[in-house]
PDBML (XML) file of the C-alpha atoms, coordinates in Angstrom:
<?xml version="1.0" encoding="UTF-8" ?>
<PDBx:datablock datablockName="MODEL"
   xmlns:PDBx="http://pdbml.pdb.org/schema/pdbx-v50.xsd"
   xmlns:xsi="http://www.w3.org/2001/XMLSchema-instance"
   xsi:schemaLocation="http://pdbml.pdb.org/schema/pdbx-v50.xsd pdbx-v50.xsd">
   <PDBx:atom_siteCategory>
      <PDBx:atom_site id="1">
         <PDBx:B_iso_or_equiv>0.00</PDBx:B_iso_or_equiv>
         <PDBx:Cartn_x>70.842</PDBx:Cartn_x>
         <PDBx:Cartn_y>8.685</PDBx:Cartn_y>
         <PDBx:Cartn_z>-75.002</PDBx:Cartn_z>
         <PDBx:auth_asym_id>A</PDBx:auth_asym_id>
         <PDBx:auth_atom_id>CA</PDBx:auth_atom_id>
         <PDBx:auth_comp_id>UNK</PDBx:auth_comp_id>
         <PDBx:auth_seq_id>1</PDBx:auth_seq_id>
         <PDBx:group_PDB>ATOM</PDBx:group_PDB>
         <PDBx:label_alt_id xsi:nil="true" />
         <PDBx:label_asym_id>A</PDBx:label_asym_id>
         <PDBx:label_atom_id>CA</PDBx:label_atom_id>
         <PDBx:label_comp_id>UNK</PDBx:label_comp_id>
         <PDBx:label_entity_id>1</PDBx:label_entity_id>
         <PDBx:label_seq_id>1</PDBx:label_seq_id>
         <PDBx:occupancy>1.00</PDBx:occupancy>
         <PDBx:pdbx_PDB_model_num>1</PDBx:pdbx_PDB_model_num>
         <PDBx:type_symbol>C</PDBx:type_symbol>
      </PDBx:atom_site>
      <PDBx:atom_site id="2">
         <PDBx:B_iso_or_equiv>0.00</PDBx:B_iso_or_equiv>
         <PDBx:Cartn_x>70.063</PDBx:Cartn_x>
         <PDBx:Cartn_y>10.502</PDBx:Cartn_y>
         <PDBx:Cartn_z>-78.321</PDBx:Cartn_z>
         <PDBx:auth_asym_id>A</PDBx:auth_asym_id>
         <PDBx:auth_atom_id>CA</PDBx:auth_atom_id>
         <PDBx:auth_comp_id>UNK</PDBx:auth_comp_id>
         <PDBx:auth_seq_id>2</PDBx:auth_seq_id>
         <PDBx:group_PDB>ATOM</PDBx:group_PDB>
         <PDBx:label_alt_id xsi:nil="true" />
         <PDBx:label_asym_id>A</PDBx:label_asym_id>
         <PDBx:label_atom_id>CA</PDBx:label_atom_id>
         <PDBx:label_comp_id>UNK</PDBx:label_comp_id>
         <PDBx:label_entity_id>1</PDBx:label_entity_id>
         <PDBx:label_seq_id>2</PDBx:label_seq_id>
         <PDBx:occupancy>1.00</PDBx:occupancy>
         <PDBx:pdbx_PDB_model_num>1</PDBx:pdbx_PDB_model_num>
         <PDBx:type_symbol>C</PDBx:type_symbol>
      </PDBx:atom_site>
      <PDBx:atom_site id="3">
         <PDBx:B_iso_or_equiv>0.00</PDBx:B_iso_or_equiv>
         <PDBx:Cartn_x>68.862</PDBx:Cartn_x>
         <PDBx:Cartn_y>13.975</PDBx:Cartn_y>
         <PDBx:Cartn_z>-77.519</PDBx:Cartn_z>
         <PDBx:auth_asym_id>A</PDBx:auth_asym_id>
         <PDBx:auth_atom_id>CA</PDBx:auth_atom_id>
         <PDBx:auth_comp_id>UNK</PDBx:auth_comp_id>
         <PDBx:auth_seq_id>3</PDBx:auth_seq_id>
         <PDBx:group_PDB>ATOM</PDBx:group_PDB>
         <PDBx:label_alt_id xsi:nil="true" />
         <PDBx:label_asym_id>A</PDBx:label_asym_id>
         <PDBx:label_atom_id>CA</PDBx:label_atom_id>
         <PDBx:label_comp_id>UNK</PDBx:label_comp_id>
         <PDBx:label_entity_id>1</PDBx:label_entity_id>
         <PDBx:label_seq_id>3</PDBx:label_seq_id>
         <PDBx:occupancy>1.00</PDBx:occupancy>
         <PDBx:pdbx_PDB_model_num>1</PDBx:pdbx_PDB_model_num>
         <PDBx:type_symbol>C</PDBx:type_symbol>
      </PDBx:atom_site>
      <PDBx:atom_site id="4">
         <PDBx:B_iso_or_equiv>0.00</PDBx:B_iso_or_equiv>
         <PDBx:Cartn_x>66.138</PDBx:Cartn_x>
         <PDBx:Cartn_y>14.368</PDBx:Cartn_y>
         <PDBx:Cartn_z>-80.018</PDBx:Cartn_z>
         <PDBx:auth_asym_id>A</PDBx:auth_asym_id>
         <PDBx:auth_atom_id>CA</PDBx:auth_atom_id>
         <PDBx:auth_comp_id>UNK</PDBx:auth_comp_id>
         <PDBx:auth_seq_id>4</PDBx:auth_seq_id>
         <PDBx:group_PDB>ATOM</PDBx:group_PDB>
         <PDBx:label_alt_id xsi:nil="true" />
         <PDBx:label_asym_id>A</PDBx:label_asym_id>
         <PDBx:label_atom_id>CA</PDBx:label_atom_id>
         <PDBx:label_comp_id>UNK</PDBx:label_comp_id>
         <PDBx:label_entity_id>1</PDBx:label_entity_id>
         <PDBx:label_seq_id>4</PDBx:label_seq_id>
         <PDBx:occupancy>1.00</PDBx:occupancy>
         <PDBx:pdbx_PDB_model_num>1</PDBx:pdbx_PDB_model_num>
         <PDBx:type_symbol>C</PDBx:type_symbol>
      </PDBx:atom_site>
      <PDBx:atom_site id="5">
         <PDBx:B_iso_or_equiv>0.00</PDBx:B_iso_or_equiv>
         <PDBx:Cartn_x>64.550</PDBx:Cartn_x>
         <PDBx:Cartn_y>10.935</PDBx:Cartn_y>
         <PDBx:Cartn_z>-79.141</PDBx:Cartn_z>
         <PDBx:auth_asym_id>A</PDBx:auth_asym_id>
         <PDBx:auth_atom_id>CA</PDBx:auth_atom_id>
         <PDBx:auth_comp_id>UNK</PDBx:auth_comp_id>
         <PDBx:auth_seq_id>5</PDBx:auth_seq_id>
         <PDBx:group_PDB>ATOM</PDBx:group_PDB>
         <PDBx:label_alt_id xsi:nil="true" />
         <PDBx:label_asym_id>A</PDBx:label_asym_id>
         <PDBx:label_atom_id>CA</PDBx:label_atom_id>
         <PDBx:label_comp_id>UNK</PDBx:label_comp_id>
         <PDBx:label_entity_id>1</PDBx:label_entity_id>
         <PDBx:label_seq_id>5</PDBx:label_seq_id>
         <PDBx:occupancy>1.00</PDBx:occupancy>
         <PDBx:pdbx_PDB_model_num>1</PDBx:pdbx_PDB_model_num>
         <PDBx:type_symbol>C</PDBx:type_symbol>
      </PDBx:atom_site>
      <PDBx:atom_site id="6">
         <PDBx:B_iso_or_equiv>0.00</PDBx:B_iso_or_equiv>
         <PDBx:Cartn_x>64.753</PDBx:Cartn_x>
         <PDBx:Cartn_y>11.875</PDBx:Cartn_y>
         <PDBx:Cartn_z>-75.595</PDBx:Cartn_z>
         <PDBx:auth_asym_id>A</PDBx:auth_asym_id>
         <PDBx:auth_atom_id>CA</PDBx:auth_atom_id>
         <PDBx:auth_comp_id>UNK</PDBx:auth_comp_id>
         <PDBx:auth_seq_id>6</PDBx:auth_seq_id>
         <PDBx:group_PDB>ATOM</PDBx:group_PDB>
         <PDBx:label_alt_id xsi:nil="true" />
         <PDBx:label_asym_id>A</PDBx:label_asym_id>
         <PDBx:label_atom_id>CA</PDBx:label_atom_id>
         <PDBx:label_comp_id>UNK</PDBx:label_comp_id>
         <PDBx:label_entity_id>1</PDBx:label_entity_id>
         <PDBx:label_seq_id>6</PDBx:label_seq_id>
         <PDBx:occupancy>1.00</PDBx:occupancy>
         <PDBx:pdbx_PDB_model_num>1</PDBx:pdbx_PDB_model_num>
         <PDBx:type_symbol>C</PDBx:type_symbol>
      </PDBx:atom_site>
      <PDBx:atom_site id="7">
         <PDBx:B_iso_or_equiv>0.00</PDBx:B_iso_or_equiv>
         <PDBx:Cartn_x>63.006</PDBx:Cartn_x>
         <PDBx:Cartn_y>15.250</PDBx:Cartn_y>
         <PDBx:Cartn_z>-75.946</PDBx:Cartn_z>
         <PDBx:auth_asym_id>A</PDBx:auth_asym_id>
         <PDBx:auth_atom_id>CA</PDBx:auth_atom_id>
         <PDBx:auth_comp_id>UNK</PDBx:auth_comp_id>
         <PDBx:auth_seq_id>7</PDBx:auth_seq_id>
         <PDBx:group_PDB>ATOM</PDBx:group_PDB>
         <PDBx:label_alt_id xsi:nil="true" />
         <PDBx:label_asym_id>A</PDBx:label_asym_id>
         <PDBx:label_atom_id>CA</PDBx:label_atom_id>
         <PDBx:label_comp_id>UNK</PDBx:label_comp_id>
         <PDBx:label_entity_id>1</PDBx:label_entity_id>
         <PDBx:label_seq_id>7</PDBx:label_seq_id>
         <PDBx:occupancy>1.00</PDBx:occupancy>
         <PDBx:pdbx_PDB_model_num>1</PDBx:pdbx_PDB_model_num>
         <PDBx:type_symbol>C</PDBx:type_symbol>
      </PDBx:atom_site>
      <PDBx:atom_site id="8">
         <PDBx:B_iso_or_equiv>0.00</PDBx:B_iso_or_equiv>
         <PDBx:Cartn_x>60.000</PDBx:Cartn_x>
         <PDBx:Cartn_y>13.584</PDBx:Cartn_y>
         <PDBx:Cartn_z>-77.785</PDBx:Cartn_z>
         <PDBx:auth_asym_id>A</PDBx:auth_asym_id>
         <PDBx:auth_atom_id>CA</PDBx:auth_atom_id>
         <PDBx:auth_comp_id>UNK</PDBx:auth_comp_id>
         <PDBx:auth_seq_id>8</PDBx:auth_seq_id>
         <PDBx:group_PDB>ATOM</PDBx:group_PDB>
         <PDBx:label_alt_id xsi:nil="true" />
         <PDBx:label_asym_id>A</PDBx:label_asym_id>
         <PDBx:label_atom_id>CA</PDBx:label_atom_id>
         <PDBx:label_comp_id>UNK</PDBx:label_comp_id>
         <PDBx:label_entity_id>1</PDBx:label_entity_id>
         <PDBx:label_seq_id>8</PDBx:label_seq_id>
         <PDBx:occupancy>1.00</PDBx:occupancy>
         <PDBx:pdbx_PDB_model_num>1</PDBx:pdbx_PDB_model_num>
         <PDBx:type_symbol>C</PDBx:type_symbol>
      </PDBx:atom_site>
      <PDBx:atom_site id="9">
         <PDBx:B_iso_or_equiv>0.00</PDBx:B_iso_or_equiv>
         <PDBx:Cartn_x>59.824</PDBx:Cartn_x>
         <PDBx:Cartn_y>10.377</PDBx:Cartn_y>
         <PDBx:Cartn_z>-75.583</PDBx:Cartn_z>
         <PDBx:auth_asym_id>A</PDBx:auth_asym_id>
         <PDBx:auth_atom_id>CA</PDBx:auth_atom_id>
         <PDBx:auth_comp_id>UNK</PDBx:auth_comp_id>
         <PDBx:auth_seq_id>9</PDBx:auth_seq_id>
         <PDBx:group_PDB>ATOM</PDBx:group_PDB>
         <PDBx:label_alt_id xsi:nil="true" />
         <PDBx:label_asym_id>A</PDBx:label_asym_id>
         <PDBx:label_atom_id>CA</PDBx:label_atom_id>
         <PDBx:label_comp_id>UNK</PDBx:label_comp_id>
         <PDBx:label_entity_id>1</PDBx:label_entity_id>
         <PDBx:label_seq_id>9</PDBx:label_seq_id>
         <PDBx:occupancy>1.00</PDBx:occupancy>
         <PDBx:pdbx_PDB_model_num>1</PDBx:pdbx_PDB_model_num>
         <PDBx:type_symbol>C</PDBx:type_symbol>
      </PDBx:atom_site>
      <PDBx:atom_site id="10">
         <PDBx:B_iso_or_equiv>0.00</PDBx:B_iso_or_equiv>
         <PDBx:Cartn_x>60.061</PDBx:Cartn_x>
         <PDBx:Cartn_y>12.289</PDBx:Cartn_y>
         <PDBx:Cartn_z>-72.376</PDBx:Cartn_z>
         <PDBx:auth_asym_id>A</PDBx:auth_asym_id>
         <PDBx:auth_atom_id>CA</PDBx:auth_atom_id>
         <PDBx:auth_comp_id>UNK</PDBx:auth_comp_id>
         <PDBx:auth_seq_id>10</PDBx:auth_seq_id>
         <PDBx:group_PDB>ATOM</PDBx:group_PDB>
         <PDBx:label_alt_id xsi:nil="true" />
         <PDBx:label_asym_id>A</PDBx:label_asym_id>
         <PDBx:label_atom_id>CA</PDBx:label_atom_id>
         <PDBx:label_comp_id>UNK</PDBx:label_comp_id>
         <PDBx:label_entity_id>1</PDBx:label_entity_id>
         <PDBx:label_seq_id>10</PDBx:label_seq_id>
         <PDBx:occupancy>1.00</PDBx:occupancy>
         <PDBx:pdbx_PDB_model_num>1</PDBx:pdbx_PDB_model_num>
         <PDBx:type_symbol>C</PDBx:type_symbol>
      </PDBx:atom_site>
      <PDBx:atom_site id="11">
         <PDBx:B_iso_or_equiv>0.00</PDBx:B_iso_or_equiv>
         <PDBx:Cartn_x>57.536</PDBx:Cartn_x>
         <PDBx:Cartn_y>14.973</PDBx:Cartn_y>
         <PDBx:Cartn_z>-73.357</PDBx:Cartn_z>
         <PDBx:auth_asym_id>A</PDBx:auth_asym_id>
         <PDBx:auth_atom_id>CA</PDBx:auth_atom_id>
         <PDBx:auth_comp_id>UNK</PDBx:auth_comp_id>
         <PDBx:auth_seq_id>11</PDBx:auth_seq_id>
         <PDBx:group_PDB>ATOM</PDBx:group_PDB>
         <PDBx:label_alt_id xsi:nil="true" />
         <PDBx:label_asym_id>A</PDBx:label_asym_id>
         <PDBx:label_atom_id>CA</PDBx:label_atom_id>
         <PDBx:label_comp_id>UNK</PDBx:label_comp_id>
         <PDBx:label_entity_id>1</PDBx:label_entity_id>
         <PDBx:label_seq_id>11</PDBx:label_seq_id>
         <PDBx:occupancy>1.00</PDBx:occupancy>
         <PDBx:pdbx_PDB_model_num>1</PDBx:pdbx_PDB_model_num>
         <PDBx:type_symbol>C</PDBx:type_symbol>
      </PDBx:atom_site>
      <PDBx:atom_site id="12">
         <PDBx:B_iso_or_equiv>0.00</PDBx:B_iso_or_equiv>
         <PDBx:Cartn_x>55.046</PDBx:Cartn_x>
         <PDBx:Cartn_y>12.356</PDBx:Cartn_y>
         <PDBx:Cartn_z>-74.700</PDBx:Cartn_z>
         <PDBx:auth_asym_id>A</PDBx:auth_asym_id>
         <PDBx:auth_atom_id>CA</PDBx:auth_atom_id>
         <PDBx:auth_comp_id>UNK</PDBx:auth_comp_id>
         <PDBx:auth_seq_id>12</PDBx:auth_seq_id>
         <PDBx:group_PDB>ATOM</PDBx:group_PDB>
         <PDBx:label_alt_id xsi:nil="true" />
         <PDBx:label_asym_id>A</PDBx:label_asym_id>
         <PDBx:label_atom_id>CA</PDBx:label_atom_id>
         <PDBx:label_comp_id>UNK</PDBx:label_comp_id>
         <PDBx:label_entity_id>1</PDBx:label_entity_id>
         <PDBx:label_seq_id>12</PDBx:label_seq_id>
         <PDBx:occupancy>1.00</PDBx:occupancy>
         <PDBx:pdbx_PDB_model_num>1</PDBx:pdbx_PDB_model_num>
         <PDBx:type_symbol>C</PDBx:type_symbol>
      </PDBx:atom_site>
      <PDBx:atom_site id="13">
         <PDBx:B_iso_or_equiv>0.00</PDBx:B_iso_or_equiv>
         <PDBx:Cartn_x>55.534</PDBx:Cartn_x>
         <PDBx:Cartn_y>9.975</PDBx:Cartn_y>
         <PDBx:Cartn_z>-71.570</PDBx:Cartn_z>
         <PDBx:auth_asym_id>A</PDBx:auth_asym_id>
         <PDBx:auth_atom_id>CA</PDBx:auth_atom_id>
         <PDBx:auth_comp_id>UNK</PDBx:auth_comp_id>
         <PDBx:auth_seq_id>13</PDBx:auth_seq_id>
         <PDBx:group_PDB>ATOM</PDBx:group_PDB>
         <PDBx:label_alt_id xsi:nil="true" />
         <PDBx:label_asym_id>A</PDBx:label_asym_id>
         <PDBx:label_atom_id>CA</PDBx:label_atom_id>
         <PDBx:label_comp_id>UNK</PDBx:label_comp_id>
         <PDBx:label_entity_id>1</PDBx:label_entity_id>
         <PDBx:label_seq_id>13</PDBx:label_seq_id>
         <PDBx:occupancy>1.00</PDBx:occupancy>
         <PDBx:pdbx_PDB_model_num>1</PDBx:pdbx_PDB_model_num>
         <PDBx:type_symbol>C</PDBx:type_symbol>
      </PDBx:atom_site>
      <PDBx:atom_site id="14">
         <PDBx:B_iso_or_equiv>0.00</PDBx:B_iso_or_equiv>
         <PDBx:Cartn_x>54.776</PDBx:Cartn_x>
         <PDBx:Cartn_y>13.048</PDBx:Cartn_y>
         <PDBx:Cartn_z>-69.323</PDBx:Cartn_z>
         <PDBx:auth_asym_id>A</PDBx:auth_asym_id>
         <PDBx:auth_atom_id>CA</PDBx:auth_atom_id>
         <PDBx:auth_comp_id>UNK</PDBx:auth_comp_id>
         <PDBx:auth_seq_id>14</PDBx:auth_seq_id>
         <PDBx:group_PDB>ATOM</PDBx:group_PDB>
         <PDBx:label_alt_id xsi:nil="true" />
         <PDBx:label_asym_id>A</PDBx:label_asym_id>
         <PDBx:label_atom_id>CA</PDBx:label_atom_id>
         <PDBx:label_comp_id>UNK</PDBx:label_comp_id>
         <PDBx:label_entity_id>1</PDBx:label_entity_id>
         <PDBx:label_seq_id>14</PDBx:label_seq_id>
         <PDBx:occupancy>1.00</PDBx:occupancy>
         <PDBx:pdbx_PDB_model_num>1</PDBx:pdbx_PDB_model_num>
         <PDBx:type_symbol>C</PDBx:type_symbol>
      </PDBx:atom_site>
      <PDBx:atom_site id="15">
         <PDBx:B_iso_or_equiv>0.00</PDBx:B_iso_or_equiv>
         <PDBx:Cartn_x>52.333</PDBx:Cartn_x>
         <PDBx:Cartn_y>15.138</PDBx:Cartn_y>
         <PDBx:Cartn_z>-71.065</PDBx:Cartn_z>
         <PDBx:auth_asym_id>A</PDBx:auth_asym_id>
         <PDBx:auth_atom_id>CA</PDBx:auth_atom_id>
         <PDBx:auth_comp_id>UNK</PDBx:auth_comp_id>
         <PDBx:auth_seq_id>15</PDBx:auth_seq_id>
         <PDBx:group_PDB>ATOM</PDBx:group_PDB>
         <PDBx:label_alt_id xsi:nil="true" />
         <PDBx:label_asym_id>A</PDBx:label_asym_id>
         <PDBx:label_atom_id>CA</PDBx:label_atom_id>
         <PDBx:label_comp_id>UNK</PDBx:label_comp_id>
         <PDBx:label_entity_id>1</PDBx:label_entity_id>
         <PDBx:label_seq_id>15</PDBx:label_seq_id>
         <PDBx:occupancy>1.00</PDBx:occupancy>
         <PDBx:pdbx_PDB_model_num>1</PDBx:pdbx_PDB_model_num>
         <PDBx:type_symbol>C</PDBx:type_symbol>
      </PDBx:atom_site>
      <PDBx:atom_site id="16">
         <PDBx:B_iso_or_equiv>0.00</PDBx:B_iso_or_equiv>
         <PDBx:Cartn_x>50.152</PDBx:Cartn_x>
         <PDBx:Cartn_y>12.910</PDBx:Cartn_y>
         <PDBx:Cartn_z>-73.381</PDBx:Cartn_z>
         <PDBx:auth_asym_id>A</PDBx:auth_asym_id>
         <PDBx:auth_atom_id>CA</PDBx:auth_atom_id>
         <PDBx:auth_comp_id>UNK</PDBx:auth_comp_id>
         <PDBx:auth_seq_id>16</PDBx:auth_seq_id>
         <PDBx:group_PDB>ATOM</PDBx:group_PDB>
         <PDBx:label_alt_id xsi:nil="true" />
         <PDBx:label_asym_id>A</PDBx:label_asym_id>
         <PDBx:label_atom_id>CA</PDBx:label_atom_id>
         <PDBx:label_comp_id>UNK</PDBx:label_comp_id>
         <PDBx:label_entity_id>1</PDBx:label_entity_id>
         <PDBx:label_seq_id>16</PDBx:label_seq_id>
         <PDBx:occupancy>1.00</PDBx:occupancy>
         <PDBx:pdbx_PDB_model_num>1</PDBx:pdbx_PDB_model_num>
         <PDBx:type_symbol>C</PDBx:type_symbol>
      </PDBx:atom_site>
      <PDBx:atom_site id="17">
         <PDBx:B_iso_or_equiv>0.00</PDBx:B_iso_or_equiv>
         <PDBx:Cartn_x>47.680</PDBx:Cartn_x>
         <PDBx:Cartn_y>12.101</PDBx:Cartn_y>
         <PDBx:Cartn_z>-70.697</PDBx:Cartn_z>
         <PDBx:auth_asym_id>A</PDBx:auth_asym_id>
         <PDBx:auth_atom_id>CA</PDBx:auth_atom_id>
         <PDBx:auth_comp_id>UNK</PDBx:auth_comp_id>
         <PDBx:auth_seq_id>17</PDBx:auth_seq_id>
         <PDBx:group_PDB>ATOM</PDBx:group_PDB>
         <PDBx:label_alt_id xsi:nil="true" />
         <PDBx:label_asym_id>A</PDBx:label_asym_id>
         <PDBx:label_atom_id>CA</PDBx:label_atom_id>
         <PDBx:label_comp_id>UNK</PDBx:label_comp_id>
         <PDBx:label_entity_id>1</PDBx:label_entity_id>
         <PDBx:label_seq_id>17</PDBx:label_seq_id>
         <PDBx:occupancy>1.00</PDBx:occupancy>
         <PDBx:pdbx_PDB_model_num>1</PDBx:pdbx_PDB_model_num>
         <PDBx:type_symbol>C</PDBx:type_symbol>
      </PDBx:atom_site>
      <PDBx:atom_site id="18">
         <PDBx:B_iso_or_equiv>0.00</PDBx:B_iso_or_equiv>
         <PDBx:Cartn_x>49.496</PDBx:Cartn_x>
         <PDBx:Cartn_y>12.858</PDBx:Cartn_y>
         <PDBx:Cartn_z>-67.159</PDBx:Cartn_z>
         <PDBx:auth_asym_id>A</PDBx:auth_asym_id>
         <PDBx:auth_atom_id>CA</PDBx:auth_atom_id>
         <PDBx:auth_comp_id>UNK</PDBx:auth_comp_id>
         <PDBx:auth_seq_id>18</PDBx:auth_seq_id>
         <PDBx:group_PDB>ATOM</PDBx:group_PDB>
         <PDBx:label_alt_id xsi:nil="true" />
         <PDBx:label_asym_id>A</PDBx:label_asym_id>
         <PDBx:label_atom_id>CA</PDBx:label_atom_id>
         <PDBx:label_comp_id>UNK</PDBx:label_comp_id>
         <PDBx:label_entity_id>1</PDBx:label_entity_id>
         <PDBx:label_seq_id>18</PDBx:label_seq_id>
         <PDBx:occupancy>1.00</PDBx:occupancy>
         <PDBx:pdbx_PDB_model_num>1</PDBx:pdbx_PDB_model_num>
         <PDBx:type_symbol>C</PDBx:type_symbol>
      </PDBx:atom_site>
      <PDBx:atom_site id="19">
         <PDBx:B_iso_or_equiv>0.00</PDBx:B_iso_or_equiv>
         <PDBx:Cartn_x>46.485</PDBx:Cartn_x>
         <PDBx:Cartn_y>11.639</PDBx:Cartn_y>
         <PDBx:Cartn_z>-65.160</PDBx:Cartn_z>
         <PDBx:auth_asym_id>A</PDBx:auth_asym_id>
         <PDBx:auth_atom_id>CA</PDBx:auth_atom_id>
         <PDBx:auth_comp_id>UNK</PDBx:auth_comp_id>
         <PDBx:auth_seq_id>19</PDBx:auth_seq_id>
         <PDBx:group_PDB>ATOM</PDBx:group_PDB>
         <PDBx:label_alt_id xsi:nil="true" />
         <PDBx:label_asym_id>A</PDBx:label_asym_id>
         <PDBx:label_atom_id>CA</PDBx:label_atom_id>
         <PDBx:label_comp_id>UNK</PDBx:label_comp_id>
         <PDBx:label_entity_id>1</PDBx:label_entity_id>
         <PDBx:label_seq_id>19</PDBx:label_seq_id>
         <PDBx:occupancy>1.00</PDBx:occupancy>
         <PDBx:pdbx_PDB_model_num>1</PDBx:pdbx_PDB_model_num>
         <PDBx:type_symbol>C</PDBx:type_symbol>
      </PDBx:atom_site>
      <PDBx:atom_site id="20">
         <PDBx:B_iso_or_equiv>0.00</PDBx:B_iso_or_equiv>
         <PDBx:Cartn_x>47.170</PDBx:Cartn_x>
         <PDBx:Cartn_y>7.964</PDBx:Cartn_y>
         <PDBx:Cartn_z>-66.251</PDBx:Cartn_z>
         <PDBx:auth_asym_id>A</PDBx:auth_asym_id>
         <PDBx:auth_atom_id>CA</PDBx:auth_atom_id>
         <PDBx:auth_comp_id>UNK</PDBx:auth_comp_id>
         <PDBx:auth_seq_id>20</PDBx:auth_seq_id>
         <PDBx:group_PDB>ATOM</PDBx:group_PDB>
         <PDBx:label_alt_id xsi:nil="true" />
         <PDBx:label_asym_id>A</PDBx:label_asym_id>
         <PDBx:label_atom_id>CA</PDBx:label_atom_id>
         <PDBx:label_comp_id>UNK</PDBx:label_comp_id>
         <PDBx:label_entity_id>1</PDBx:label_entity_id>
         <PDBx:label_seq_id>20</PDBx:label_seq_id>
         <PDBx:occupancy>1.00</PDBx:occupancy>
         <PDBx:pdbx_PDB_model_num>1</PDBx:pdbx_PDB_model_num>
         <PDBx:type_symbol>C</PDBx:type_symbol>
      </PDBx:atom_site>
      <PDBx:atom_site id="21">
         <PDBx:B_iso_or_equiv>0.00</PDBx:B_iso_or_equiv>
         <PDBx:Cartn_x>49.068</PDBx:Cartn_x>
         <PDBx:Cartn_y>5.004</PDBx:Cartn_y>
         <PDBx:Cartn_z>-64.748</PDBx:Cartn_z>
         <PDBx:auth_asym_id>A</PDBx:auth_asym_id>
         <PDBx:auth_atom_id>CA</PDBx:auth_atom_id>
         <PDBx:auth_comp_id>UNK</PDBx:auth_comp_id>
         <PDBx:auth_seq_id>21</PDBx:auth_seq_id>
         <PDBx:group_PDB>ATOM</PDBx:group_PDB>
         <PDBx:label_alt_id xsi:nil="true" />
         <PDBx:label_asym_id>A</PDBx:label_asym_id>
         <PDBx:label_atom_id>CA</PDBx:label_atom_id>
         <PDBx:label_comp_id>UNK</PDBx:label_comp_id>
         <PDBx:label_entity_id>1</PDBx:label_entity_id>
         <PDBx:label_seq_id>21</PDBx:label_seq_id>
         <PDBx:occupancy>1.00</PDBx:occupancy>
         <PDBx:pdbx_PDB_model_num>1</PDBx:pdbx_PDB_model_num>
         <PDBx:type_symbol>C</PDBx:type_symbol>
      </PDBx:atom_site>
      <PDBx:atom_site id="22">
         <PDBx:B_iso_or_equiv>0.00</PDBx:B_iso_or_equiv>
         <PDBx:Cartn_x>51.724</PDBx:Cartn_x>
         <PDBx:Cartn_y>4.840</PDBx:Cartn_y>
         <PDBx:Cartn_z>-67.572</PDBx:Cartn_z>
         <PDBx:auth_asym_id>A</PDBx:auth_asym_id>
         <PDBx:auth_atom_id>CA</PDBx:auth_atom_id>
         <PDBx:auth_comp_id>UNK</PDBx:auth_comp_id>
         <PDBx:auth_seq_id>22</PDBx:auth_seq_id>
         <PDBx:group_PDB>ATOM</PDBx:group_PDB>
         <PDBx:label_alt_id xsi:nil="true" />
         <PDBx:label_asym_id>A</PDBx:label_asym_id>
         <PDBx:label_atom_id>CA</PDBx:label_atom_id>
         <PDBx:label_comp_id>UNK</PDBx:label_comp_id>
         <PDBx:label_entity_id>1</PDBx:label_entity_id>
         <PDBx:label_seq_id>22</PDBx:label_seq_id>
         <PDBx:occupancy>1.00</PDBx:occupancy>
         <PDBx:pdbx_PDB_model_num>1</PDBx:pdbx_PDB_model_num>
         <PDBx:type_symbol>C</PDBx:type_symbol>
      </PDBx:atom_site>
      <PDBx:atom_site id="23">
         <PDBx:B_iso_or_equiv>0.00</PDBx:B_iso_or_equiv>
         <PDBx:Cartn_x>52.710</PDBx:Cartn_x>
         <PDBx:Cartn_y>8.444</PDBx:Cartn_y>
         <PDBx:Cartn_z>-67.458</PDBx:Cartn_z>
         <PDBx:auth_asym_id>A</PDBx:auth_asym_id>
         <PDBx:auth_atom_id>CA</PDBx:auth_atom_id>
         <PDBx:auth_comp_id>UNK</PDBx:auth_comp_id>
         <PDBx:auth_seq_id>23</PDBx:auth_seq_id>
         <PDBx:group_PDB>ATOM</PDBx:group_PDB>
         <PDBx:label_alt_id xsi:nil="true" />
         <PDBx:label_asym_id>A</PDBx:label_asym_id>
         <PDBx:label_atom_id>CA</PDBx:label_atom_id>
         <PDBx:label_comp_id>UNK</PDBx:label_comp_id>
         <PDBx:label_entity_id>1</PDBx:label_entity_id>
         <PDBx:label_seq_id>23</PDBx:label_seq_id>
         <PDBx:occupancy>1.00</PDBx:occupancy>
         <PDBx:pdbx_PDB_model_num>1</PDBx:pdbx_PDB_model_num>
         <PDBx:type_symbol>C</PDBx:type_symbol>
      </PDBx:atom_site>
      <PDBx:atom_site id="24">
         <PDBx:B_iso_or_equiv>0.00</PDBx:B_iso_or_equiv>
         <PDBx:Cartn_x>56.335</PDBx:Cartn_x>
         <PDBx:Cartn_y>9.427</PDBx:Cartn_y>
         <PDBx:Cartn_z>-66.601</PDBx:Cartn_z>
         <PDBx:auth_asym_id>A</PDBx:auth_asym_id>
         <PDBx:auth_atom_id>CA</PDBx:auth_atom_id>
         <PDBx:auth_comp_id>UNK</PDBx:auth_comp_id>
         <PDBx:auth_seq_id>24</PDBx:auth_seq_id>
         <PDBx:group_PDB>ATOM</PDBx:group_PDB>
         <PDBx:label_alt_id xsi:nil="true" />
         <PDBx:label_asym_id>A</PDBx:label_asym_id>
         <PDBx:label_atom_id>CA</PDBx:label_atom_id>
         <PDBx:label_comp_id>UNK</PDBx:label_comp_id>
         <PDBx:label_entity_id>1</PDBx:label_entity_id>
         <PDBx:label_seq_id>24</PDBx:label_seq_id>
         <PDBx:occupancy>1.00</PDBx:occupancy>
         <PDBx:pdbx_PDB_model_num>1</PDBx:pdbx_PDB_model_num>
         <PDBx:type_symbol>C</PDBx:type_symbol>
      </PDBx:atom_site>
   </PDBx:atom_siteCategory>
</PDBx:datablock>
């Protein structure tokens, strides 16, 4: 896994809207 991609993807998936069903 690419560390730069991973940091951005994981952060977005978890914090964009944590209360919705597609959040990490």
